[in-house]
C-alpha atoms as a PDB file:
ATOM      1  CA  MET A   1      -7.672   7.417  17.826  1.00  0.00           C
ATOM      2  CA  TRP A   2     -10.050   4.858  16.375  1.00  0.00           C
ATOM      3  CA  PHE A   3      -9.644   2.190  13.732  1.00  0.00           C
ATOM      4  CA  GLU A   4     -12.564   0.784  11.787  1.00  0.00           C
ATOM      5  CA  LEU A   5     -12.156  -2.743  10.466  1.00  0.00           C
ATOM      6  CA  LYS A   6     -14.367  -3.080   7.401  1.00  0.00           C
ATOM      7  CA  ALA A   7     -16.367  -6.206   6.647  1.00  0.00           C
ATOM      8  CA  ASP A   8     -14.379  -7.102   3.517  1.00  0.00           C
ATOM      9  CA  ILE A   9     -11.327  -8.185   5.552  1.00  0.00           C
ATOM     10  CA  PHE A  10     -13.336 -10.695   7.627  1.00  0.00           C
ATOM     11  CA  LEU A  11     -12.650 -13.645   5.342  1.00  0.00           C
ATOM     12  CA  GLU A  12     -11.327 -17.101   6.148  1.00  0.00           C
ATOM     13  CA  SER A  13      -8.462 -16.441   3.735  1.00  0.00           C
ATOM     14  CA  ASN A  14      -7.421 -13.452   5.880  1.00  0.00           C
ATOM     15  CA  LEU A  15      -7.780 -15.276   9.195  1.00  0.00           C
ATOM     16  CA  THR A  16      -4.080 -15.356  10.142  1.00  0.00           C
ATOM     17  CA  ASP A  17      -3.556 -11.643   9.509  1.00  0.00           C
ATOM     18  CA  LEU A  18      -6.930 -10.763  11.017  1.00  0.00           C
ATOM     19  CA  ARG A  19      -6.080 -12.597  14.243  1.00  0.00           C
ATOM     20  CA  LYS A  20      -2.732 -10.813  14.338  1.00  0.00           C
ATOM     21  CA  LEU A  21      -4.282  -7.367  13.919  1.00  0.00           C
ATOM     22  CA  ILE A  22      -7.038  -7.899  16.481  1.00  0.00           C
ATOM     23  CA  THR A  23      -4.545  -9.363  18.950  1.00  0.00           C
ATOM     24  CA  ASP A  24      -2.300  -6.301  18.554  1.00  0.00           C
ATOM     25  CA  LEU A  25      -5.221  -3.904  18.930  1.00  0.00           C
ATOM     26  CA  CYS A  26      -6.558  -5.694  22.012  1.00  0.00           C
ATOM     27  CA  TYR A  27      -3.217  -6.182  23.758  1.00  0.00           C
ATOM     28  CA  LYS A  28      -3.499  -4.030  26.879  1.00  0.00           C
ATOM     29  CA  ARG A  29      -6.278  -2.200  24.994  1.00  0.00           C
ATOM     30  CA  LYS A  30      -3.685  -0.451  22.872  1.00  0.00           C
ATOM     31  CA  TYR A  31      -6.149   1.197  20.474  1.00  0.00           C
ATOM     32  CA  ASN A  32      -9.872   1.665  20.144  1.00  0.00           C
ATOM     33  CA  PHE A  33     -11.370  -0.125  17.166  1.00  0.00           C
ATOM     34  CA  PHE A  34     -14.797  -0.619  15.641  1.00  0.00           C
ATOM     35  CA  VAL A  35     -16.205  -3.605  13.798  1.00  0.00           C
ATOM     36  CA  ASP A  36     -19.662  -3.191  12.296  1.00  0.00           C
ATOM     37  CA  ILE A  37     -20.801  -6.615  13.426  1.00  0.00           C
ATOM     38  CA  ASP A  38     -24.066  -6.457  11.479  1.00  0.00           C
ATOM     39  CA  GLN A  39     -22.132  -6.170   8.199  1.00  0.00           C
ATOM     40  CA  ILE A  40     -20.074  -9.354   8.703  1.00  0.00           C
ATOM     41  CA  GLU A  41     -21.654 -12.039   6.515  1.00  0.00           C
ATOM     42  CA  ASN A  42     -19.606 -14.916   7.930  1.00  0.00           C
ATOM     43  CA  ASP A  43     -20.231 -14.312  11.618  1.00  0.00           C
ATOM     44  CA  THR A  44     -18.798 -17.744  12.499  1.00  0.00           C
ATOM     45  CA  ILE A  45     -15.374 -16.192  11.962  1.00  0.00           C
ATOM     46  CA  PHE A  46     -15.639 -14.686  15.447  1.00  0.00           C
ATOM     47  CA  GLU A  47     -15.371 -18.208  16.831  1.00  0.00           C
ATOM     48  CA  SER A  48     -11.750 -18.157  15.643  1.00  0.00           C
ATOM     49  CA  PHE A  49     -10.879 -15.332  18.057  1.00  0.00           C
ATOM     50  CA  TYR A  50     -10.227 -15.523  21.778  1.00  0.00           C
ATOM     51  CA  SER A  51     -13.419 -14.990  23.762  1.00  0.00           C
ATOM     52  CA  GLU A  52     -11.934 -11.971  25.581  1.00  0.00           C
ATOM     53  CA  PHE A  53     -11.211 -10.348  22.212  1.00  0.00           C
ATOM     54  CA  ASN A  54     -14.818 -10.835  21.144  1.00  0.00           C
ATOM     55  CA  GLU A  55     -15.884  -9.199  24.389  1.00  0.00           C
ATOM     56  CA  GLU A  56     -13.759  -6.170  23.510  1.00  0.00           C
ATOM     57  CA  ILE A  57     -15.150  -6.112  19.978  1.00  0.00           C
ATOM     58  CA  TYR A  58     -18.696  -5.866  21.356  1.00  0.00           C
ATOM     59  CA  GLU A  59     -17.665  -3.362  24.016  1.00  0.00           C
ATOM     60  CA  PHE A  60     -16.001  -1.083  21.444  1.00  0.00           C
ATOM     61  CA  TYR A  61     -19.004  -1.531  19.159  1.00  0.00           C
ATOM     62  CA  ASN A  62     -21.238   0.098  21.767  1.00  0.00           C
ATOM     63  CA  THR A  63     -18.657   2.741  22.721  1.00  0.00           C
ATOM     64  CA  TYR A  64     -18.235   3.769  19.094  1.00  0.00           C
ATOM     65  CA  PHE A  65     -21.899   4.696  18.707  1.00  0.00           C
ATOM     66  CA  ASN A  66     -21.982   6.432  22.067  1.00  0.00           C
ATOM     67  CA  ASP A  67     -18.845   8.530  21.442  1.00  0.00           C
ATOM     68  CA  SER A  68     -19.203   9.157  17.683  1.00  0.00           C
ATOM     69  CA  PRO A  69     -15.421   9.619  17.187  1.00  0.00           C
ATOM     70  CA  LYS A  70     -14.306  12.047  14.465  1.00  0.00           C
ATOM     71  CA  ASN A  71     -10.865  10.709  13.560  1.00  0.00           C
ATOM     72  CA  VAL A  72     -11.293   7.168  12.310  1.00  0.00           C
ATOM     73  CA  VAL A  73      -8.694   5.253  10.292  1.00  0.00           C
ATOM     74  CA  ILE A  74     -10.296   2.839   7.845  1.00  0.00           C
ATOM     75  CA  ILE A  75      -8.813  -0.637   7.440  1.00  0.00           C
ATOM     76  CA  SER A  76     -10.041  -2.281   4.261  1.00  0.00           C
ATOM     77  CA  ASN A  77      -8.584  -4.043   1.238  1.00  0.00           C
ATOM     78  CA  ASN A  78     -11.000  -1.976  -0.867  1.00  0.00           C
ATOM     79  CA  ASN A  79      -9.851   1.676  -0.855  1.00  0.00           C
ATOM     80  CA  GLY A  80      -9.236   1.954   2.883  1.00  0.00           C
ATOM     81  CA  ASP A  81      -6.624   4.132   4.551  1.00  0.00           C
ATOM     82  CA  PHE A  82      -4.697   0.924   5.200  1.00  0.00           C
ATOM     83  CA  THR A  83      -4.998  -2.567   3.833  1.00  0.00           C
ATOM     84  CA  LEU A  84      -5.071  -5.366   6.375  1.00  0.00           C
ATOM     85  CA  ALA A  85      -1.356  -6.056   5.865  1.00  0.00           C
ATOM     86  CA  GLU A  86      -0.479  -2.346   6.117  1.00  0.00           C
ATOM     87  CA  ALA A  87      -2.549  -1.920   9.272  1.00  0.00           C
ATOM     88  CA  ILE A  88      -0.511  -4.592  11.054  1.00  0.00           C
ATOM     89  CA  ILE A  89       2.660  -2.631  10.289  1.00  0.00           C
ATOM     90  CA  TYR A  90       1.147   0.702  11.325  1.00  0.00           C
ATOM     91  CA  VAL A  91      -0.307  -0.544  14.609  1.00  0.00           C
ATOM     92  CA  ASN A  92       3.060  -1.995  15.613  1.00  0.00           C
ATOM     93  CA  GLU A  93       5.048   1.139  14.764  1.00  0.00           C
ATOM     94  CA  LYS A  94       5.941   3.219  17.805  1.00  0.00           C
ATOM     95  CA  PHE A  95       4.850   6.803  18.210  1.00  0.00           C
ATOM     96  CA  GLU A  96       7.934   9.000  18.294  1.00  0.00           C
ATOM     97  CA  LEU A  97       8.534  12.492  19.585  1.00  0.00           C
ATOM     98  CA  LEU A  98      11.345  13.931  17.468  1.00  0.00           C
ATOM     99  CA  LEU A  99      13.546  16.217  19.552  1.00  0.00           C
ATOM    100  CA  GLU A 100      16.664  18.232  18.816  1.00  0.00           C
ATOM    101  CA  ASN A 101      18.274  16.621  21.850  1.00  0.00           C
ATOM    102  CA  ASP A 102      16.410  13.683  23.351  1.00  0.00           C
ATOM    103  CA  ARG A 103      18.331  13.787  26.632  1.00  0.00           C
ATOM    104  CA  TYR A 104      17.805  17.409  27.672  1.00  0.00           C
ATOM    105  CA  ASP A 105      14.576  18.057  25.809  1.00  0.00           C
ATOM    106  CA  GLY A 106      13.300  14.694  27.013  1.00  0.00           C
ATOM    107  CA  GLU A 107      13.862  15.706  30.642  1.00  0.00           C
ATOM    108  CA  PHE A 108      11.827  18.853  30.005  1.00  0.00           C
ATOM    109  CA  ILE A 109       8.976  16.805  28.489  1.00  0.00           C
ATOM    110  CA  ASP A 110       9.050  14.399  31.434  1.00  0.00           C
ATOM    111  CA  CYS A 111       8.623  17.372  33.777  1.00  0.00           C
ATOM    112  CA  LEU A 112       5.530  18.449  31.862  1.00  0.00           C
ATOM    113  CA  PHE A 113       4.075  14.961  32.088  1.00  0.00           C
ATOM    114  CA  ARG A 114       4.631  14.918  35.859  1.00  0.00           C
ATOM    115  CA  GLU A 115       3.042  18.338  36.304  1.00  0.00           C
ATOM    116  CA  PHE A 116       0.038  17.519  34.118  1.00  0.00           C
ATOM    117  CA  ARG A 117      -0.593  13.918  35.118  1.00  0.00           C
ATOM    118  CA  GLY A 118      -4.288  14.063  34.354  1.00  0.00           C
ATOM    119  CA  LYS A 119      -3.787  15.216  30.782  1.00  0.00           C
ATOM    120  CA  SER A 120      -0.784  12.971  30.127  1.00  0.00           C
ATOM    121  CA  LYS A 121      -2.350   9.780  31.432  1.00  0.00           C
ATOM    122  CA  ASN A 122      -2.587   8.103  28.039  1.00  0.00           C
ATOM    123  CA  ILE A 123       0.862   9.311  26.976  1.00  0.00           C
ATOM    124  CA  ASN A 124       2.370   7.782  30.102  1.00  0.00           C
ATOM    125  CA  ARG A 125       0.518   4.547  29.391  1.00  0.00           C
ATOM    126  CA  PHE A 126       2.097   4.436  25.941  1.00  0.00           C
ATOM    127  CA  LYS A 127       5.543   5.195  27.401  1.00  0.00           C
ATOM    128  CA  GLU A 128       5.222   2.508  30.066  1.00  0.00           C
ATOM    129  CA  ASN A 129       4.324  -0.068  27.413  1.00  0.00           C
ATOM    130  CA  ASN A 130       7.156   1.014  25.105  1.00  0.00           C
ATOM    131  CA  TRP A 131       4.734   2.206  22.428  1.00  0.00           C
ATOM    132  CA  PHE A 132       6.000   5.796  22.565  1.00  0.00           C
ATOM    133  CA  GLU A 133       9.565   7.076  22.733  1.00  0.00           C
ATOM    134  CA  TYR A 134      11.711  10.156  22.320  1.00  0.00           C
ATOM    135  CA  LYS A 135      13.882  10.200  19.221  1.00  0.00           C
ATOM    136  CA  ASN A 136      17.079  12.212  18.879  1.00  0.00           C
ATOM    137  CA  ALA A 137      17.008  13.977  15.514  1.00  0.00           C
ATOM    138  CA  GLY A 138      20.475  15.514  15.937  1.00  0.00           C
ATOM    139  CA  GLY A 139      19.396  19.142  15.959  1.00  0.00           C
ATOM    140  CA  ALA A 140      16.677  20.956  14.060  1.00  0.00           C
ATOM    141  CA  THR A 141      18.272  20.343  10.669  1.00  0.00           C
ATOM    142  CA  GLY A 142      18.301  16.612  11.386  1.00  0.00           C
ATOM    143  CA  ILE A 143      14.532  16.394  11.842  1.00  0.00           C
ATOM    144  CA  ILE A 144      13.764  16.640   8.144  1.00  0.00           C
ATOM    145  CA  ASN A 145      16.514  14.118   7.396  1.00  0.00           C
ATOM    146  CA  THR A 146      14.990  11.744   9.946  1.00  0.00           C
ATOM    147  CA  LEU A 147      11.547  12.115   8.364  1.00  0.00           C
ATOM    148  CA  GLU A 148      12.987  11.617   4.883  1.00  0.00           C
ATOM    149  CA  GLN A 149      14.674   8.399   5.994  1.00  0.00           C
ATOM    150  CA  LYS A 150      11.420   7.066   7.388  1.00  0.00           C
ATOM    151  CA  ILE A 151       9.501   7.976   4.242  1.00  0.00           C
ATOM    152  CA  ASN A 152      12.141   6.330   2.061  1.00  0.00           C
ATOM    153  CA  HIS A 153      12.070   3.207   4.223  1.00  0.00           C
ATOM    154  CA  PHE A 154       8.318   2.718   3.826  1.00  0.00           C
ATOM    155  CA  GLY A 155       8.013   4.210   0.352  1.00  0.00           C
ATOM    156  CA  ASN A 156       5.485   6.825   1.507  1.00  0.00           C
ATOM    157  CA  SER A 157       4.576   8.922   4.527  1.00  0.00           C
ATOM    158  CA  LYS A 158       1.406   7.108   5.586  1.00  0.00           C
ATOM    159  CA  PHE A 159       3.276   5.029   8.177  1.00  0.00           C
ATOM    160  CA  LEU A 160       4.734   8.039   9.989  1.00  0.00           C
ATOM    161  CA  LYS A 161       3.696   8.252  13.660  1.00  0.00           C
ATOM    162  CA  CYS A 162       5.674  11.291  14.744  1.00  0.00           C
ATOM    163  CA  PHE A 163       5.316  14.423  16.791  1.00  0.00           C
ATOM    164  CA  ILE A 164       7.946  17.158  16.433  1.00  0.00           C
ATOM    165  CA  LEU A 165       9.110  19.592  19.096  1.00  0.00           C
ATOM    166  CA  VAL A 166      11.728  22.270  18.422  1.00  0.00           C
ATOM    167  CA  ASP A 167      12.612  25.482  20.213  1.00  0.00           C
ATOM    168  CA  SER A 168      12.682  28.712  18.246  1.00  0.00           C
ATOM    169  CA  ASP A 169      16.189  29.942  19.220  1.00  0.00           C
ATOM    170  CA  LEU A 170      14.816  33.438  18.622  1.00  0.00           C
ATOM    171  CA  GLU A 171      15.870  36.455  20.628  1.00  0.00           C
ATOM    172  CA  PHE A 172      12.713  38.357  19.653  1.00  0.00           C
ATOM    173  CA  PRO A 173       9.339  36.934  18.551  1.00  0.00           C
ATOM    174  CA  GLN A 174       9.215  39.281  15.559  1.00  0.00           C
ATOM    175  CA  ILE A 175      12.151  37.524  13.915  1.00  0.00           C
ATOM    176  CA  GLU A 176      11.231  34.948  11.286  1.00  0.00           C
ATOM    177  CA  ASN A 177      11.564  31.416  12.603  1.00  0.00           C
ATOM    178  CA  SER A 178      13.473  29.648   9.845  1.00  0.00           C
ATOM    179  CA  LYS A 179      13.351  26.251  11.565  1.00  0.00           C
ATOM    180  CA  ARG A 180       9.590  26.394  11.870  1.00  0.00           C
ATOM    181  CA  LYS A 181       9.213  27.557   8.277  1.00  0.00           C
ATOM    182  CA  SER A 182      11.382  24.762   6.868  1.00  0.00           C
ATOM    183  CA  LEU A 183       9.388  22.131   8.758  1.00  0.00           C
ATOM    184  CA  ILE A 184       6.053  23.567   7.630  1.00  0.00           C
ATOM    185  CA  ASP A 185       7.296  23.780   4.035  1.00  0.00           C
ATOM    186  CA  PHE A 186       8.349  20.139   4.220  1.00  0.00           C
ATOM    187  CA  TYR A 187       4.984  19.093   5.635  1.00  0.00           C
ATOM    188  CA  GLU A 188       3.073  21.022   2.972  1.00  0.00           C
ATOM    189  CA  THR A 189       5.061  19.720  -0.007  1.00  0.00           C
ATOM    190  CA  PRO A 190       2.314  18.244  -2.239  1.00  0.00           C
ATOM    191  CA  GLN A 191       4.371  15.335  -3.600  1.00  0.00           C
ATOM    192  CA  LYS A 192       5.230  14.197  -0.079  1.00  0.00           C
ATOM    193  CA  TYR A 193       1.864  14.598   1.562  1.00  0.00           C
ATOM    194  CA  HIS A 194      -1.611  14.205   0.182  1.00  0.00           C
ATOM    195  CA  LYS A 195      -4.094  12.035   2.089  1.00  0.00           C
ATOM    196  CA  GLU A 196      -1.281  11.138   4.523  1.00  0.00           C
ATOM    197  CA  ARG A 197      -2.006  14.395   6.344  1.00  0.00           C
ATOM    198  CA  HIS A 198      -5.112  12.618   7.598  1.00  0.00           C
ATOM    199  CA  PHE A 199      -2.948  10.266   9.637  1.00  0.00           C
ATOM    200  CA  MET A 200      -1.073  13.129  11.277  1.00  0.00           C
ATOM    201  CA  SER A 201      -4.442  14.572  12.253  1.00  0.00           C
ATOM    202  CA  CYS A 202      -5.340  11.205  13.761  1.00  0.00           C
ATOM    203  CA  CYS A 203      -2.002  11.083  15.559  1.00  0.00           C
ATOM    204  CA  ARG A 204      -2.784  14.388  17.238  1.00  0.00           C
ATOM    205  CA  SER A 205      -5.968  12.842  18.638  1.00  0.00           C
ATOM    206  CA  MET A 206      -4.317   9.626  19.761  1.00  0.00           C
ATOM    207  CA  PHE A 207      -3.498  10.837  23.258  1.00  0.00           C
ATOM    208  CA  VAL A 208      -6.846  12.496  23.919  1.00  0.00           C
END
């Protein structure tokens, strides 16, 4: 998952928030981020950052062009996915795996992570740093309620950083999975999700 910090937020008037965001992004290399250095008119602003952060900015600058990432979240005060202030909130929100029962289902997930250490390396890094946690939704019916509460708290769904895992409870695969259908219907409700689906797509790529 990549963030792109647009040139318009690199202003002296934004310096406090800009330092906060870059610090949060750089802390233990939490997220990849790209700054188009050539587009920053006031390049003296970089003198206000820690030297090690500037080193990461230049390192990610080169990596970005080498990797050509597909899922990029735009941070800009001019029609970005997030404004500067919103990005600070989003970056500090934990990723959550919503489970019907976080104790028993969580033990199952931990087993998968142990068996597939190579593919779960980044997930384990997020768990170890307390950036990712299991969340008990109180059964399948509670998952939608949990999502609704989060949406109501923020006023929209763009701040959601959730994965959902439910079992089918089906005796035969031919039987309609009502739990799955209700979750998909909720996700596809137009008034709840429009461009916010983009962030869920980015979330899926976060652990790659």
